[in-house]
N, C-alpha and C. Protein backbone atom coordinates (compact mmCIF):
# COMPACT_ATOMS: atom_id res chain seq x y z
N MET A 1 132.70 115.62 39.58
CA MET A 1 133.74 116.56 39.18
C MET A 1 134.98 116.28 40.01
N SER A 2 136.12 116.34 39.37
CA SER A 2 137.38 116.08 40.04
C SER A 2 138.36 117.21 39.76
N LYS A 3 139.30 117.34 40.66
CA LYS A 3 140.33 118.35 40.48
C LYS A 3 141.66 117.73 40.85
N ILE A 4 142.62 117.86 39.97
CA ILE A 4 143.98 117.37 40.18
C ILE A 4 144.88 118.57 40.37
N THR A 5 145.72 118.53 41.38
CA THR A 5 146.73 119.57 41.55
C THR A 5 148.09 118.92 41.69
N PHE A 6 149.09 119.63 41.26
CA PHE A 6 150.46 119.17 41.35
C PHE A 6 151.24 120.11 42.25
N ASN A 7 152.00 119.56 43.18
CA ASN A 7 152.91 120.35 43.98
C ASN A 7 154.14 120.54 43.12
N THR A 8 154.23 121.68 42.48
CA THR A 8 155.29 121.90 41.48
C THR A 8 156.69 121.86 42.08
N GLU A 9 156.82 122.18 43.34
CA GLU A 9 158.15 122.15 43.95
C GLU A 9 158.59 120.74 44.34
N ARG A 10 157.66 119.82 44.51
CA ARG A 10 158.01 118.43 44.82
C ARG A 10 158.24 117.61 43.56
N CYS A 11 157.63 118.03 42.46
CA CYS A 11 157.68 117.27 41.21
C CYS A 11 159.07 117.35 40.59
N LYS A 12 159.60 116.18 40.19
CA LYS A 12 160.91 116.15 39.55
C LYS A 12 160.80 115.87 38.05
N GLY A 13 159.60 115.92 37.52
CA GLY A 13 159.42 115.77 36.08
C GLY A 13 159.75 114.39 35.55
N CYS A 14 159.50 113.35 36.33
CA CYS A 14 159.85 111.98 35.92
C CYS A 14 158.94 111.45 34.81
N GLU A 15 157.79 112.07 34.62
CA GLU A 15 156.82 111.73 33.59
C GLU A 15 156.06 110.42 33.81
N LEU A 16 156.16 109.85 35.01
CA LEU A 16 155.37 108.64 35.28
C LEU A 16 153.88 108.95 35.19
N CYS A 17 153.47 110.08 35.72
CA CYS A 17 152.06 110.46 35.66
C CYS A 17 151.61 110.70 34.21
N VAL A 18 152.50 111.25 33.42
CA VAL A 18 152.20 111.48 32.00
C VAL A 18 151.91 110.15 31.31
N SER A 19 152.70 109.14 31.64
CA SER A 19 152.57 107.84 30.97
C SER A 19 151.31 107.07 31.35
N VAL A 20 150.74 107.33 32.52
CA VAL A 20 149.56 106.56 32.95
C VAL A 20 148.24 107.29 32.76
N CYS A 21 148.26 108.53 32.38
CA CYS A 21 147.02 109.29 32.23
C CYS A 21 146.22 108.76 31.04
N PRO A 22 145.01 108.21 31.30
CA PRO A 22 144.22 107.65 30.20
C PRO A 22 143.70 108.71 29.23
N LYS A 23 143.57 109.94 29.68
CA LYS A 23 143.09 111.03 28.82
C LYS A 23 144.23 111.78 28.13
N LYS A 24 145.47 111.47 28.50
CA LYS A 24 146.66 112.10 27.92
C LYS A 24 146.63 113.62 28.07
N ILE A 25 146.23 114.07 29.27
CA ILE A 25 146.15 115.52 29.51
C ILE A 25 147.21 116.02 30.48
N ILE A 26 148.06 115.12 30.97
CA ILE A 26 149.16 115.55 31.84
C ILE A 26 150.40 115.75 30.97
N VAL A 27 150.98 116.93 31.11
CA VAL A 27 152.16 117.30 30.33
C VAL A 27 153.18 117.95 31.27
N LEU A 28 154.39 118.10 30.80
CA LEU A 28 155.38 118.82 31.59
C LEU A 28 155.31 120.29 31.26
N SER A 29 155.36 121.10 32.28
CA SER A 29 155.29 122.55 32.14
C SER A 29 156.57 123.08 31.50
N PRO A 30 156.47 124.13 30.72
CA PRO A 30 157.67 124.77 30.20
C PRO A 30 158.44 125.52 31.30
N GLU A 31 157.75 125.80 32.40
CA GLU A 31 158.38 126.48 33.53
C GLU A 31 159.30 125.52 34.27
N ILE A 32 160.25 126.07 35.00
CA ILE A 32 161.19 125.27 35.78
C ILE A 32 160.97 125.57 37.25
N ASN A 33 160.93 124.52 38.09
CA ASN A 33 160.75 124.73 39.53
C ASN A 33 162.10 125.04 40.19
N ALA A 34 162.09 125.21 41.50
CA ALA A 34 163.29 125.58 42.24
C ALA A 34 164.38 124.52 42.18
N GLN A 35 163.98 123.26 41.91
CA GLN A 35 164.95 122.17 41.81
C GLN A 35 165.56 122.07 40.41
N GLY A 36 165.02 122.84 39.47
CA GLY A 36 165.52 122.81 38.10
C GLY A 36 164.80 121.83 37.20
N PHE A 37 163.62 121.36 37.61
CA PHE A 37 162.85 120.40 36.83
C PHE A 37 161.62 121.07 36.21
N HIS A 38 161.13 120.47 35.14
CA HIS A 38 159.87 120.87 34.53
C HIS A 38 158.77 120.05 35.21
N PRO A 39 157.95 120.67 36.05
CA PRO A 39 156.91 119.91 36.78
C PRO A 39 155.72 119.58 35.88
N ALA A 40 154.97 118.59 36.30
CA ALA A 40 153.77 118.17 35.59
C ALA A 40 152.66 119.20 35.78
N THR A 41 151.80 119.27 34.78
CA THR A 41 150.64 120.14 34.82
C THR A 41 149.57 119.55 33.92
N LEU A 42 148.37 120.09 33.96
CA LEU A 42 147.28 119.60 33.12
C LEU A 42 147.12 120.49 31.89
N SER A 43 147.01 119.88 30.73
CA SER A 43 146.79 120.65 29.51
C SER A 43 145.33 121.02 29.33
N ASP A 44 144.42 120.18 29.85
CA ASP A 44 142.98 120.43 29.74
C ASP A 44 142.28 119.90 31.00
N PRO A 45 142.27 120.69 32.08
CA PRO A 45 141.70 120.22 33.36
C PRO A 45 140.26 119.74 33.26
N GLY A 46 139.49 120.26 32.35
CA GLY A 46 138.09 119.88 32.21
C GLY A 46 137.89 118.44 31.76
N LYS A 47 138.91 117.83 31.18
CA LYS A 47 138.81 116.45 30.71
C LYS A 47 139.23 115.43 31.77
N CYS A 48 139.73 115.90 32.89
CA CYS A 48 140.18 114.99 33.95
C CYS A 48 139.00 114.25 34.56
N THR A 49 139.14 112.92 34.67
CA THR A 49 138.07 112.10 35.24
C THR A 49 138.30 111.80 36.72
N GLY A 50 139.47 112.16 37.24
CA GLY A 50 139.77 111.89 38.64
C GLY A 50 140.08 110.43 38.91
N CYS A 51 140.57 109.72 37.91
CA CYS A 51 140.84 108.28 38.06
C CYS A 51 141.88 108.00 39.15
N GLY A 52 142.82 108.93 39.36
CA GLY A 52 143.81 108.76 40.42
C GLY A 52 145.06 108.02 40.02
N PHE A 53 145.17 107.58 38.77
CA PHE A 53 146.36 106.86 38.33
C PHE A 53 147.63 107.68 38.58
N CYS A 54 147.56 108.97 38.32
CA CYS A 54 148.72 109.85 38.51
C CYS A 54 149.11 109.91 39.99
N PHE A 55 148.11 109.96 40.85
CA PHE A 55 148.35 110.00 42.29
C PHE A 55 149.08 108.75 42.76
N TYR A 56 148.59 107.59 42.33
CA TYR A 56 149.15 106.33 42.79
C TYR A 56 150.55 106.05 42.26
N ILE A 57 150.89 106.56 41.08
CA ILE A 57 152.20 106.27 40.52
C ILE A 57 153.27 107.27 40.93
N CYS A 58 152.89 108.42 41.44
CA CYS A 58 153.87 109.47 41.77
C CYS A 58 154.75 109.07 42.96
N PRO A 59 156.07 108.92 42.73
CA PRO A 59 156.96 108.53 43.82
C PRO A 59 157.27 109.66 44.80
N ASP A 60 156.92 110.88 44.42
CA ASP A 60 157.25 112.05 45.24
C ASP A 60 156.05 112.66 45.94
N LEU A 61 154.91 112.01 45.86
CA LEU A 61 153.67 112.51 46.48
C LEU A 61 153.38 113.95 46.07
N ALA A 62 153.57 114.23 44.79
CA ALA A 62 153.38 115.58 44.27
C ALA A 62 151.99 115.79 43.67
N VAL A 63 151.14 114.76 43.68
CA VAL A 63 149.82 114.85 43.05
C VAL A 63 148.73 114.74 44.11
N THR A 64 147.74 115.61 44.01
CA THR A 64 146.57 115.55 44.88
C THR A 64 145.34 115.43 44.00
N VAL A 65 144.46 114.50 44.34
CA VAL A 65 143.21 114.31 43.62
C VAL A 65 142.07 114.62 44.58
N VAL A 66 141.20 115.52 44.17
CA VAL A 66 140.02 115.87 44.97
C VAL A 66 138.80 115.53 44.14
N ARG A 67 137.97 114.66 44.68
CA ARG A 67 136.74 114.27 44.00
C ARG A 67 135.55 114.82 44.77
N GLU A 68 134.62 115.40 44.04
CA GLU A 68 133.39 115.87 44.66
C GLU A 68 132.36 114.76 44.58
N ARG A 69 131.69 114.51 45.68
CA ARG A 69 130.64 113.49 45.71
C ARG A 69 129.37 114.05 45.11
N ARG A 70 128.68 113.19 44.41
CA ARG A 70 127.38 113.56 43.87
C ARG A 70 126.32 113.36 44.93
N ALA A 71 125.30 114.16 44.90
CA ALA A 71 124.17 113.98 45.80
C ALA A 71 123.45 112.69 45.45
N ALA A 72 122.81 112.08 46.40
CA ALA A 72 122.13 110.79 46.20
C ALA A 72 121.05 110.87 45.13
N ASN A 73 120.45 112.03 44.94
CA ASN A 73 119.38 112.17 43.97
C ASN A 73 119.87 112.53 42.57
N GLU A 74 121.15 112.61 42.35
CA GLU A 74 121.69 112.96 41.02
C GLU A 74 121.92 111.73 40.21
């Protein structure tokens, strides 16, 4: 299981993360942050695989990926 979070105040809505998401679940929020940008958000968090593409491409370090490790017997 993985969880992606976006620091909405750091995000400038460049859409680089949107373009690399293999599941196409990253979208720009209709909300506007303090900088006047539409930050990235997930449309369907349950479909996220935690691949990390969004994390690696983000120039503003606005993406955090948390992956849970599976137990050895799973």
